[in-house]
Amino acid sequence: MRRHALPDLSLGLVFLAFGLFIVVQAMGFRDMPSLPVGPKLFPTITGSAMAFFGAILALQAWFGLAEIDDRMVDDSEPQSAEGRWSVPFIPGLLSTIGLAIVAMPWLGFLITGTILTALLVRLGGGGWIAAAVFSPFATLAVYGLFVYGLRVPLPHGLLG
């Protein structure tokens, strides 16, 4: 395994583990009487997808399918931060999600989701303009899917 594959392998294994954890936890949810679809459906689908794609990412990294050949990397010139795995991204991602979990009961889903999405766009390398344009639309789409499509109540917070 070359040095370029370690971040993909690590991230793939993390997604695989969290996906399996979500599926196991969702299996403990009780079915709602007289409904063919219960509360475990969406977390099971999400966890399964996370585990599946995490496994694909880890396998690609392990077998070298998604890595850069070391002969093609010129180490004599300084590399830019773009396109490289950045160690602060993972702690930033986890801390941002943790703050969103803590803030959501007070601020509500719409405000917290918009802020969370904007910060994730910034962590991913996007600009503030892209974050400001994308985050409200993404948050409204997720809100509409949960509230109107899946009939899952989300916290209202300050807007409720």
C-alpha atoms as a PDB file:
ATOM      1  CA  MET A   1       0.000   0.000   0.000  1.00  0.00           C
ATOM      2  CA  ARG A   2       1.418   3.364  -0.983  1.00  0.00           C
ATOM      3  CA  ARG A   3       1.303   6.525   1.076  1.00  0.00           C
ATOM      4  CA  HIS A   4      -1.548   7.956  -1.005  1.00  0.00           C
ATOM      5  CA  ALA A   5      -3.930   5.163   0.007  1.00  0.00           C
ATOM      6  CA  LEU A   6      -3.769   5.464   3.806  1.00  0.00           C
ATOM      7  CA  PRO A   7      -6.335   8.308   4.147  1.00  0.00           C
ATOM      8  CA  ASP A   8      -8.806   6.505   1.868  1.00  0.00           C
ATOM      9  CA  LEU A   9      -8.330   3.266   3.781  1.00  0.00           C
ATOM     10  CA  SER A  10      -8.835   5.019   7.126  1.00  0.00           C
ATOM     11  CA  LEU A  11     -11.921   6.910   6.007  1.00  0.00           C
ATOM     12  CA  GLY A  12     -13.387   3.812   4.363  1.00  0.00           C
ATOM     13  CA  LEU A  13     -12.980   1.776   7.543  1.00  0.00           C
ATOM     14  CA  VAL A  14     -14.532   4.565   9.635  1.00  0.00           C
ATOM     15  CA  PHE A  15     -17.561   4.724   7.309  1.00  0.00           C
ATOM     16  CA  LEU A  16     -17.833   0.936   7.322  1.00  0.00           C
ATOM     17  CA  ALA A  17     -17.786   0.813  11.130  1.00  0.00           C
ATOM     18  CA  PHE A  18     -20.268   3.672  11.610  1.00  0.00           C
ATOM     19  CA  GLY A  19     -22.561   2.253   8.932  1.00  0.00           C
ATOM     20  CA  LEU A  20     -22.645  -1.135  10.620  1.00  0.00           C
ATOM     21  CA  PHE A  21     -23.209   0.551  13.978  1.00  0.00           C
ATOM     22  CA  ILE A  22     -26.203   2.462  12.575  1.00  0.00           C
ATOM     23  CA  VAL A  23     -27.692  -0.717  11.078  1.00  0.00           C
ATOM     24  CA  VAL A  24     -27.308  -2.620  14.354  1.00  0.00           C
ATOM     25  CA  GLN A  25     -28.885   0.231  16.322  1.00  0.00           C
ATOM     26  CA  ALA A  26     -31.756   0.550  13.833  1.00  0.00           C
ATOM     27  CA  MET A  27     -32.586  -3.125  14.175  1.00  0.00           C
ATOM     28  CA  GLY A  28     -33.505  -2.422  17.802  1.00  0.00           C
ATOM     29  CA  PHE A  29     -36.258   0.038  16.865  1.00  0.00           C
ATOM     30  CA  ARG A  30     -39.793  -1.240  17.371  1.00  0.00           C
ATOM     31  CA  ASP A  31     -42.176  -1.458  14.458  1.00  0.00           C
ATOM     32  CA  MET A  32     -45.210   0.789  14.523  1.00  0.00           C
ATOM     33  CA  PRO A  33     -48.490  -1.131  14.583  1.00  0.00           C
ATOM     34  CA  SER A  34     -50.513  -1.272  11.357  1.00  0.00           C
ATOM     35  CA  LEU A  35     -47.776   0.387   9.288  1.00  0.00           C
ATOM     36  CA  PRO A  36     -45.778  -1.520   6.679  1.00  0.00           C
ATOM     37  CA  VAL A  37     -42.832   0.868   7.038  1.00  0.00           C
ATOM     38  CA  GLY A  38     -41.435   1.526  10.480  1.00  0.00           C
ATOM     39  CA  PRO A  39     -38.862   3.842  12.005  1.00  0.00           C
ATOM     40  CA  LYS A  40     -36.006   1.456  11.265  1.00  0.00           C
ATOM     41  CA  LEU A  41     -36.281   1.691   7.461  1.00  0.00           C
ATOM     42  CA  PHE A  42     -34.431   4.956   6.820  1.00  0.00           C
ATOM     43  CA  PRO A  43     -31.569   4.372   9.303  1.00  0.00           C
ATOM     44  CA  THR A  44     -31.127   0.850   7.931  1.00  0.00           C
ATOM     45  CA  ILE A  45     -30.893   2.135   4.361  1.00  0.00           C
ATOM     46  CA  THR A  46     -28.518   4.933   5.376  1.00  0.00           C
ATOM     47  CA  GLY A  47     -26.312   2.694   7.503  1.00  0.00           C
ATOM     48  CA  SER A  48     -26.192   0.017   4.820  1.00  0.00           C
ATOM     49  CA  ALA A  49     -25.174   2.563   2.195  1.00  0.00           C
ATOM     50  CA  MET A  50     -22.490   3.990   4.493  1.00  0.00           C
ATOM     51  CA  ALA A  51     -21.114   0.506   5.197  1.00  0.00           C
ATOM     52  CA  PHE A  52     -21.236  -0.506   1.525  1.00  0.00           C
ATOM     53  CA  PHE A  53     -19.490   2.578   0.166  1.00  0.00           C
ATOM     54  CA  GLY A  54     -17.041   2.616   3.073  1.00  0.00           C
ATOM     55  CA  ALA A  55     -16.100  -0.965   2.219  1.00  0.00           C
ATOM     56  CA  ILE A  56     -15.655  -0.024  -1.446  1.00  0.00           C
ATOM     57  CA  LEU A  57     -13.411   2.909  -0.512  1.00  0.00           C
ATOM     58  CA  ALA A  58     -11.345   0.755   1.867  1.00  0.00           C
ATOM     59  CA  LEU A  59     -10.980  -2.045  -0.697  1.00  0.00           C
ATOM     60  CA  GLN A  60      -9.937   0.399  -3.409  1.00  0.00           C
ATOM     61  CA  ALA A  61      -7.308   1.826  -1.108  1.00  0.00           C
ATOM     62  CA  TRP A  62      -6.123  -1.605   0.039  1.00  0.00           C
ATOM     63  CA  PHE A  63      -5.748  -3.012  -3.480  1.00  0.00           C
ATOM     64  CA  GLY A  64      -4.386   0.237  -4.893  1.00  0.00           C
ATOM     65  CA  LEU A  65      -7.189   0.915  -7.347  1.00  0.00           C
ATOM     66  CA  ALA A  66      -7.607   4.575  -6.402  1.00  0.00           C
ATOM     67  CA  GLU A  67      -4.079   5.693  -5.728  1.00  0.00           C
ATOM     68  CA  ILE A  68      -1.503   7.742  -7.534  1.00  0.00           C
ATOM     69  CA  ASP A  69       1.590   5.993  -8.790  1.00  0.00           C
ATOM     70  CA  ASP A  70       4.635   7.210  -6.852  1.00  0.00           C
ATOM     71  CA  ARG A  71       6.582   7.577 -10.110  1.00  0.00           C
ATOM     72  CA  MET A  72       4.108  10.240 -11.234  1.00  0.00           C
ATOM     73  CA  VAL A  73       4.593  12.365  -8.099  1.00  0.00           C
ATOM     74  CA  ASP A  74       7.390  14.900  -8.314  1.00  0.00           C
ATOM     75  CA  ASP A  75       8.639  15.346  -4.755  1.00  0.00           C
ATOM     76  CA  SER A  76      11.179  17.972  -5.777  1.00  0.00           C
ATOM     77  CA  GLU A  77       8.527  20.697  -6.064  1.00  0.00           C
ATOM     78  CA  PRO A  78       6.314  21.795  -3.184  1.00  0.00           C
ATOM     79  CA  GLN A  79       2.795  20.423  -3.364  1.00  0.00           C
ATOM     80  CA  SER A  80      -0.235  22.579  -2.848  1.00  0.00           C
ATOM     81  CA  ALA A  81      -2.737  21.808  -0.119  1.00  0.00           C
ATOM     82  CA  GLU A  82      -5.448  21.294  -2.728  1.00  0.00           C
ATOM     83  CA  GLY A  83      -6.130  17.722  -3.650  1.00  0.00           C
ATOM     84  CA  ARG A  84      -4.228  16.360  -0.668  1.00  0.00           C
ATOM     85  CA  TRP A  85      -5.715  14.742   2.383  1.00  0.00           C
ATOM     86  CA  SER A  86      -5.728  17.262   5.182  1.00  0.00           C
ATOM     87  CA  VAL A  87      -5.523  16.022   8.760  1.00  0.00           C
ATOM     88  CA  PRO A  88      -7.578  18.958  10.196  1.00  0.00           C
ATOM     89  CA  PHE A  89     -10.523  18.014   7.967  1.00  0.00           C
ATOM     90  CA  ILE A  90     -11.577  14.974  10.015  1.00  0.00           C
ATOM     91  CA  PRO A  91     -11.497  16.689  13.447  1.00  0.00           C
ATOM     92  CA  GLY A  92     -13.209  19.710  11.889  1.00  0.00           C
ATOM     93  CA  LEU A  93     -15.909  17.515  10.404  1.00  0.00           C
ATOM     94  CA  LEU A  94     -16.533  15.624  13.634  1.00  0.00           C
ATOM     95  CA  SER A  95     -16.537  18.746  15.804  1.00  0.00           C
ATOM     96  CA  THR A  96     -18.894  20.556  13.410  1.00  0.00           C
ATOM     97  CA  ILE A  97     -21.349  17.656  13.482  1.00  0.00           C
ATOM     98  CA  GLY A  98     -21.045  17.463  17.284  1.00  0.00           C
ATOM     99  CA  LEU A  99     -21.817  21.166  17.633  1.00  0.00           C
ATOM    100  CA  ALA A 100     -24.809  20.763  15.321  1.00  0.00           C
ATOM    101  CA  ILE A 101     -26.168  17.940  17.469  1.00  0.00           C
ATOM    102  CA  VAL A 102     -25.862  20.089  20.587  1.00  0.00           C
ATOM    103  CA  ALA A 103     -27.317  23.238  18.970  1.00  0.00           C
ATOM    104  CA  MET A 104     -30.212  21.669  17.053  1.00  0.00           C
ATOM    105  CA  PRO A 105     -32.730  21.457  19.931  1.00  0.00           C
ATOM    106  CA  TRP A 106     -32.370  25.210  20.570  1.00  0.00           C
ATOM    107  CA  LEU A 107     -31.796  26.590  17.078  1.00  0.00           C
ATOM    108  CA  GLY A 108     -33.937  24.104  15.178  1.00  0.00           C
ATOM    109  CA  PHE A 109     -33.187  22.041  12.102  1.00  0.00           C
ATOM    110  CA  LEU A 110     -33.398  24.795   9.495  1.00  0.00           C
ATOM    111  CA  ILE A 111     -30.963  27.203  11.165  1.00  0.00           C
ATOM    112  CA  THR A 112     -28.569  24.511  12.378  1.00  0.00           C
ATOM    113  CA  GLY A 113     -28.705  22.617   9.087  1.00  0.00           C
ATOM    114  CA  THR A 114     -27.916  25.733   7.080  1.00  0.00           C
ATOM    115  CA  ILE A 115     -24.959  26.626   9.305  1.00  0.00           C
ATOM    116  CA  LEU A 116     -23.735  23.017   9.342  1.00  0.00           C
ATOM    117  CA  THR A 117     -23.924  22.697   5.570  1.00  0.00           C
ATOM    118  CA  ALA A 118     -22.126  26.007   5.052  1.00  0.00           C
ATOM    119  CA  LEU A 119     -19.319  24.966   7.406  1.00  0.00           C
ATOM    120  CA  LEU A 120     -19.010  21.584   5.703  1.00  0.00           C
ATOM    121  CA  VAL A 121     -18.750  23.267   2.303  1.00  0.00           C
ATOM    122  CA  ARG A 122     -15.970  25.471   3.702  1.00  0.00           C
ATOM    123  CA  LEU A 123     -14.196  22.472   5.245  1.00  0.00           C
ATOM    124  CA  GLY A 124     -14.384  20.738   1.883  1.00  0.00           C
ATOM    125  CA  GLY A 125     -12.584  23.604   0.190  1.00  0.00           C
ATOM    126  CA  GLY A 126     -15.516  25.614  -1.163  1.00  0.00           C
ATOM    127  CA  GLY A 127     -15.812  29.357  -0.848  1.00  0.00           C
ATOM    128  CA  TRP A 128     -18.177  31.374   1.298  1.00  0.00           C
ATOM    129  CA  ILE A 129     -20.294  32.360  -1.705  1.00  0.00           C
ATOM    130  CA  ALA A 130     -20.776  28.728  -2.728  1.00  0.00           C
ATOM    131  CA  ALA A 131     -21.577  27.835   0.883  1.00  0.00           C
ATOM    132  CA  ALA A 132     -24.104  30.677   1.176  1.00  0.00           C
ATOM    133  CA  VAL A 133     -25.841  29.664  -2.050  1.00  0.00           C
ATOM    134  CA  PHE A 134     -25.778  25.885  -1.574  1.00  0.00           C
ATOM    135  CA  SER A 135     -26.527  25.471   2.133  1.00  0.00           C
ATOM    136  CA  PRO A 136     -30.096  26.900   2.261  1.00  0.00           C
ATOM    137  CA  PHE A 137     -31.193  24.846  -0.748  1.00  0.00           C
ATOM    138  CA  ALA A 138     -29.638  21.643   0.583  1.00  0.00           C
ATOM    139  CA  THR A 139     -31.157  22.202   4.022  1.00  0.00           C
ATOM    140  CA  LEU A 140     -34.619  22.880   2.588  1.00  0.00           C
ATOM    141  CA  ALA A 141     -34.376  19.768   0.406  1.00  0.00           C
ATOM    142  CA  VAL A 142     -33.461  17.577   3.388  1.00  0.00           C
ATOM    143  CA  TYR A 143     -36.165  19.244   5.507  1.00  0.00           C
ATOM    144  CA  GLY A 144     -38.782  18.629   2.820  1.00  0.00           C
ATOM    145  CA  LEU A 145     -37.711  15.011   2.433  1.00  0.00           C
ATOM    146  CA  PHE A 146     -37.949  14.294   6.149  1.00  0.00           C
ATOM    147  CA  VAL A 147     -41.031  16.343   7.068  1.00  0.00           C
ATOM    148  CA  TYR A 148     -43.201  15.867   3.988  1.00  0.00           C
ATOM    149  CA  GLY A 149     -41.822  12.720   2.374  1.00  0.00           C
ATOM    150  CA  LEU A 150     -40.933  10.556   5.362  1.00  0.00           C
ATOM    151  CA  ARG A 151     -43.198  12.355   7.889  1.00  0.00           C
ATOM    152  CA  VAL A 152     -40.400  12.616  10.429  1.00  0.00           C
ATOM    153  CA  PRO A 153     -40.786  15.618  12.737  1.00  0.00           C
ATOM    154  CA  LEU A 154     -37.672  17.749  13.021  1.00  0.00           C
ATOM    155  CA  PRO A 155     -36.903  20.251  15.799  1.00  0.00           C
ATOM    156  CA  HIS A 156     -38.287  23.749  15.191  1.00  0.00           C
ATOM    157  CA  GLY A 157     -36.130  25.613  17.705  1.00  0.00           C
ATOM    158  CA  LEU A 158     -36.257  29.394  17.342  1.00  0.00           C
ATOM    159  CA  LEU A 159     -38.582  29.172  14.323  1.00  0.00           C
ATOM    160  CA  GLY A 160     -41.183  27.033  16.090  1.00  0.00           C
END
